Amino acid sequence: MRPLIRQSLSLFLVMTALCGVLYPLTVTGLAQLAFPRQANGSLIVRNGQVLGSRLIGQRFRGADYFWSRPSATAPYPYDAEASSGSNLGPTNPALRAAVARRAAALRAADPAATGPIPADLVTASGSGLDPDITPAAAQYQLARVARARHLSTAQVQAMVDASTRGRQLDVLGEPRVNVLELNLRLDGLWQRTSAPRGLAR
């Protein structure tokens, strides 16, 4: 019996060292060497101030900002510690009410936008933290933002284009617009240090 116990303990210690210490340290070290920005959360830092992450959505308010995809996390939207969706089915009255409320807010922000509202502007993602919107969602908001900032649509379109990412390897996923990056471009925060007004919850 004692030999079996010694073998079991030895195997336990070896596997703990390999899987619990050596492997995590190796992977972490390689990630820091090869992909330091991604390994550290893809943070956007200006003059020592963290403005956000390219991977986590934020709430933006006001007609002069592009709005993010809605978030269903609790206790507040875009809570990175509570990533989750609403789990509401398409026939659920609560989902229908939430979609109607979000659509009404978009219409109120821009009564001139009479076209169909893209689905990603009124429905939350499964994670509740989606940092991107579709190009169609950006186009729906473009005229409103341009008017609020007294810019031409061409100027705002150029910023949208600069914040748009295509399919990975030209095959995976769909084109997408990073909302935080786009709003930081609008505020000129690639050089300045103050945070955009939309960062407040």
Protein backbone atom coordinates (compact mmCIF):
# COMPACT_ATOMS: atom_id res chain seq x y z
CA MET A 1 0.00 0.00 0.00
CA ARG A 2 2.79 2.47 0.88
CA PRO A 3 4.46 2.20 -2.57
CA LEU A 4 1.13 3.09 -4.21
CA ILE A 5 0.71 6.10 -1.94
CA ARG A 6 4.26 7.29 -2.70
CA GLN A 7 3.70 6.84 -6.44
CA SER A 8 0.40 8.73 -6.27
CA LEU A 9 1.94 11.60 -4.31
CA SER A 10 4.94 11.73 -6.64
CA LEU A 11 2.69 11.83 -9.71
CA PHE A 12 0.53 14.50 -8.07
CA LEU A 13 3.55 16.71 -7.33
CA VAL A 14 5.02 16.25 -10.81
CA MET A 15 1.73 17.05 -12.57
CA THR A 16 1.16 20.04 -10.26
CA ALA A 17 4.58 21.41 -11.14
CA LEU A 18 4.09 20.80 -14.87
CA CYS A 19 0.46 21.89 -15.29
CA GLY A 20 0.13 24.33 -12.42
CA VAL A 21 3.48 26.13 -12.59
CA LEU A 22 5.65 25.39 -15.61
CA TYR A 23 2.94 25.43 -18.29
CA PRO A 24 1.23 28.69 -17.14
CA LEU A 25 4.59 30.44 -16.79
CA THR A 26 5.70 29.30 -20.25
CA VAL A 27 2.45 30.33 -21.95
CA THR A 28 2.39 33.68 -20.12
CA GLY A 29 6.02 34.37 -21.03
CA LEU A 30 5.50 33.49 -24.70
CA ALA A 31 2.36 35.64 -24.85
CA GLN A 32 4.18 38.61 -23.34
CA LEU A 33 6.99 38.23 -25.86
CA ALA A 34 4.90 37.58 -28.97
CA PHE A 35 1.65 39.48 -28.24
CA PRO A 36 2.27 41.93 -25.37
CA ARG A 37 -0.64 44.25 -26.20
CA GLN A 38 -3.20 41.45 -26.50
CA ALA A 39 -1.84 39.58 -23.47
CA ASN A 40 -2.34 42.67 -21.33
CA GLY A 41 -5.95 43.24 -22.34
CA SER A 42 -5.57 45.34 -25.51
CA LEU A 43 -5.76 48.45 -23.35
CA ILE A 44 -5.84 51.93 -24.86
CA VAL A 45 -3.50 54.08 -22.78
CA ARG A 46 -2.80 57.75 -23.30
CA ASN A 47 -0.19 59.53 -21.15
CA GLY A 48 -0.45 56.87 -18.47
CA GLN A 49 -4.26 56.93 -18.34
CA VAL A 50 -6.22 53.82 -19.31
CA LEU A 51 -9.17 54.91 -21.46
CA GLY A 52 -10.53 51.41 -21.99
CA SER A 53 -9.95 48.17 -23.82
CA ARG A 54 -10.50 47.39 -27.48
CA LEU A 55 -12.06 44.11 -26.31
CA ILE A 56 -14.71 45.41 -23.88
CA GLY A 57 -17.68 47.57 -24.80
CA GLN A 58 -18.63 50.74 -22.98
CA ARG A 59 -21.75 52.83 -22.67
CA PHE A 60 -21.70 56.11 -24.61
CA ARG A 61 -24.29 58.81 -24.18
CA GLY A 62 -25.25 61.86 -26.16
CA ALA A 63 -25.98 62.55 -29.79
CA ASP A 64 -22.32 63.35 -30.47
CA TYR A 65 -21.12 59.80 -29.85
CA PHE A 66 -21.61 56.51 -31.63
CA TRP A 67 -23.55 54.20 -29.31
CA SER A 68 -22.34 50.72 -28.50
CA ARG A 69 -24.30 47.51 -28.76
CA PRO A 70 -26.62 47.17 -25.73
CA SER A 71 -25.41 45.18 -22.74
CA ALA A 72 -27.46 42.89 -20.50
CA THR A 73 -24.86 42.43 -17.76
CA ALA A 74 -25.80 43.07 -14.13
CA PRO A 75 -25.78 45.02 -11.87
CA TYR A 76 -24.85 47.58 -14.54
CA PRO A 77 -24.23 47.42 -18.31
CA TYR A 78 -20.79 46.48 -19.66
CA ASP A 79 -19.69 44.96 -16.34
CA ALA A 80 -16.53 43.05 -17.30
CA GLU A 81 -16.77 40.99 -14.11
CA ALA A 82 -20.25 39.70 -14.98
CA SER A 83 -20.13 38.83 -18.66
CA SER A 84 -23.51 37.40 -19.66
CA GLY A 85 -26.46 37.73 -21.99
CA SER A 86 -30.10 38.16 -21.09
CA ASN A 87 -31.01 34.57 -22.09
CA LEU A 88 -34.39 35.89 -23.22
CA GLY A 89 -35.98 34.04 -26.11
CA PRO A 90 -37.31 35.85 -29.20
CA THR A 91 -40.93 35.51 -28.04
CA ASN A 92 -40.25 36.75 -24.51
CA PRO A 93 -42.25 39.93 -23.73
CA ALA A 94 -39.31 41.33 -21.73
CA LEU A 95 -37.05 41.12 -24.78
CA ARG A 96 -39.66 42.75 -26.97
CA ALA A 97 -40.04 45.56 -24.44
CA ALA A 98 -36.26 46.06 -24.23
CA VAL A 99 -35.93 46.20 -28.01
CA ALA A 100 -38.79 48.70 -28.25
CA ARG A 101 -37.23 50.87 -25.52
CA ARG A 102 -33.83 50.88 -27.24
CA ALA A 103 -35.39 51.66 -30.62
CA ALA A 104 -37.32 54.55 -29.10
CA ALA A 105 -34.11 55.98 -27.60
CA LEU A 106 -32.40 55.82 -30.99
CA ARG A 107 -35.37 57.48 -32.71
CA ALA A 108 -35.45 60.22 -30.06
CA ALA A 109 -31.74 60.88 -30.51
CA ASP A 110 -32.18 61.26 -34.27
CA PRO A 111 -35.77 61.72 -35.51
CA ALA A 112 -34.41 62.24 -39.02
CA ALA A 113 -33.23 58.61 -39.18
CA THR A 114 -36.36 56.94 -40.50
CA GLY A 115 -34.78 53.79 -41.94
CA PRO A 116 -34.73 50.37 -40.31
CA ILE A 117 -32.59 50.14 -37.19
CA PRO A 118 -29.81 47.51 -37.43
CA ALA A 119 -30.45 44.59 -35.07
CA ASP A 120 -27.17 44.99 -33.17
CA LEU A 121 -28.25 48.44 -31.93
CA VAL A 122 -31.32 47.04 -30.13
CA THR A 123 -30.19 43.56 -29.05
CA ALA A 124 -27.47 42.61 -26.57
CA SER A 125 -24.70 40.19 -27.43
CA GLY A 126 -24.21 36.88 -25.62
CA SER A 127 -21.30 38.29 -23.62
CA GLY A 128 -22.81 41.70 -22.93
CA LEU A 129 -19.37 43.17 -23.62
CA ASP A 130 -19.25 43.35 -27.41
CA PRO A 131 -16.90 46.25 -28.30
CA ASP A 132 -17.94 46.36 -31.95
CA ILE A 133 -20.96 47.26 -34.03
CA THR A 134 -21.68 46.43 -37.64
CA PRO A 135 -20.85 48.93 -40.38
CA ALA A 136 -24.61 49.26 -40.90
CA ALA A 137 -25.04 50.30 -37.25
CA ALA A 138 -22.32 52.90 -37.68
CA GLN A 139 -23.92 54.24 -40.84
CA TYR A 140 -27.29 54.54 -39.07
CA GLN A 141 -25.70 56.85 -36.49
CA LEU A 142 -23.30 58.73 -38.77
CA ALA A 143 -25.54 61.67 -39.74
CA ARG A 144 -26.57 62.26 -36.12
CA VAL A 145 -22.98 62.38 -34.90
CA ALA A 146 -21.89 64.62 -37.77
CA ARG A 147 -24.68 67.13 -37.03
CA ALA A 148 -24.00 67.11 -33.28
CA ARG A 149 -20.29 67.77 -33.83
CA HIS A 150 -20.75 70.23 -36.70
CA LEU A 151 -18.68 68.01 -38.97
CA SER A 152 -19.31 66.90 -42.52
CA THR A 153 -20.50 63.37 -43.08
CA ALA A 154 -17.33 62.80 -45.11
CA GLN A 155 -15.17 63.68 -42.10
CA VAL A 156 -17.06 61.30 -39.82
CA GLN A 157 -17.10 58.62 -42.51
CA ALA A 158 -13.31 58.78 -42.69
CA MET A 159 -13.13 58.09 -38.95
CA VAL A 160 -15.58 55.21 -39.28
CA ASP A 161 -13.47 53.73 -42.06
CA ALA A 162 -10.32 54.07 -39.94
CA SER A 163 -12.00 52.19 -37.07
CA THR A 164 -13.42 49.39 -39.24
CA ARG A 165 -11.84 45.95 -39.26
CA GLY A 166 -12.44 43.41 -42.01
CA ARG A 167 -12.84 39.65 -41.81
CA GLN A 168 -9.95 37.80 -40.23
CA LEU A 169 -7.88 36.17 -42.97
CA ASP A 170 -10.59 37.51 -45.33
CA VAL A 171 -12.76 34.55 -44.30
CA LEU A 172 -13.60 34.53 -40.57
CA GLY A 173 -16.25 36.75 -39.02
CA GLU A 174 -17.79 39.89 -40.45
CA PRO A 175 -16.59 43.50 -40.90
CA ARG A 176 -16.94 45.43 -37.65
CA VAL A 177 -16.41 48.90 -36.21
CA ASN A 178 -14.74 49.32 -32.82
CA VAL A 179 -16.91 51.86 -30.98
CA LEU A 180 -14.39 52.97 -28.37
CA GLU A 181 -11.69 53.53 -30.97
CA LEU A 182 -14.12 55.44 -33.17
CA ASN A 183 -15.29 57.72 -30.36
CA LEU A 184 -11.72 58.37 -29.27
CA ARG A 185 -10.93 59.40 -32.82
CA LEU A 186 -13.87 61.79 -32.75
CA ASP A 187 -12.61 63.34 -29.52
CA GLY A 188 -9.07 63.53 -30.85
CA LEU A 189 -7.94 61.40 -27.92
CA TRP A 190 -5.20 59.68 -29.86
CA GLN A 191 -3.12 62.63 -28.66
CA ARG A 192 -5.07 64.19 -25.77
CA THR A 193 -5.39 62.78 -22.25
CA SER A 194 -8.93 63.55 -21.10
CA ALA A 195 -11.43 60.69 -21.21
CA PRO A 196 -14.48 60.86 -23.47
CA ARG A 197 -17.77 61.78 -21.78
CA GLY A 198 -19.22 58.39 -22.66
CA LEU A 199 -16.97 56.56 -20.20
CA ALA A 200 -19.24 57.47 -17.29
CA ARG A 201 -21.66 54.73 -16.34
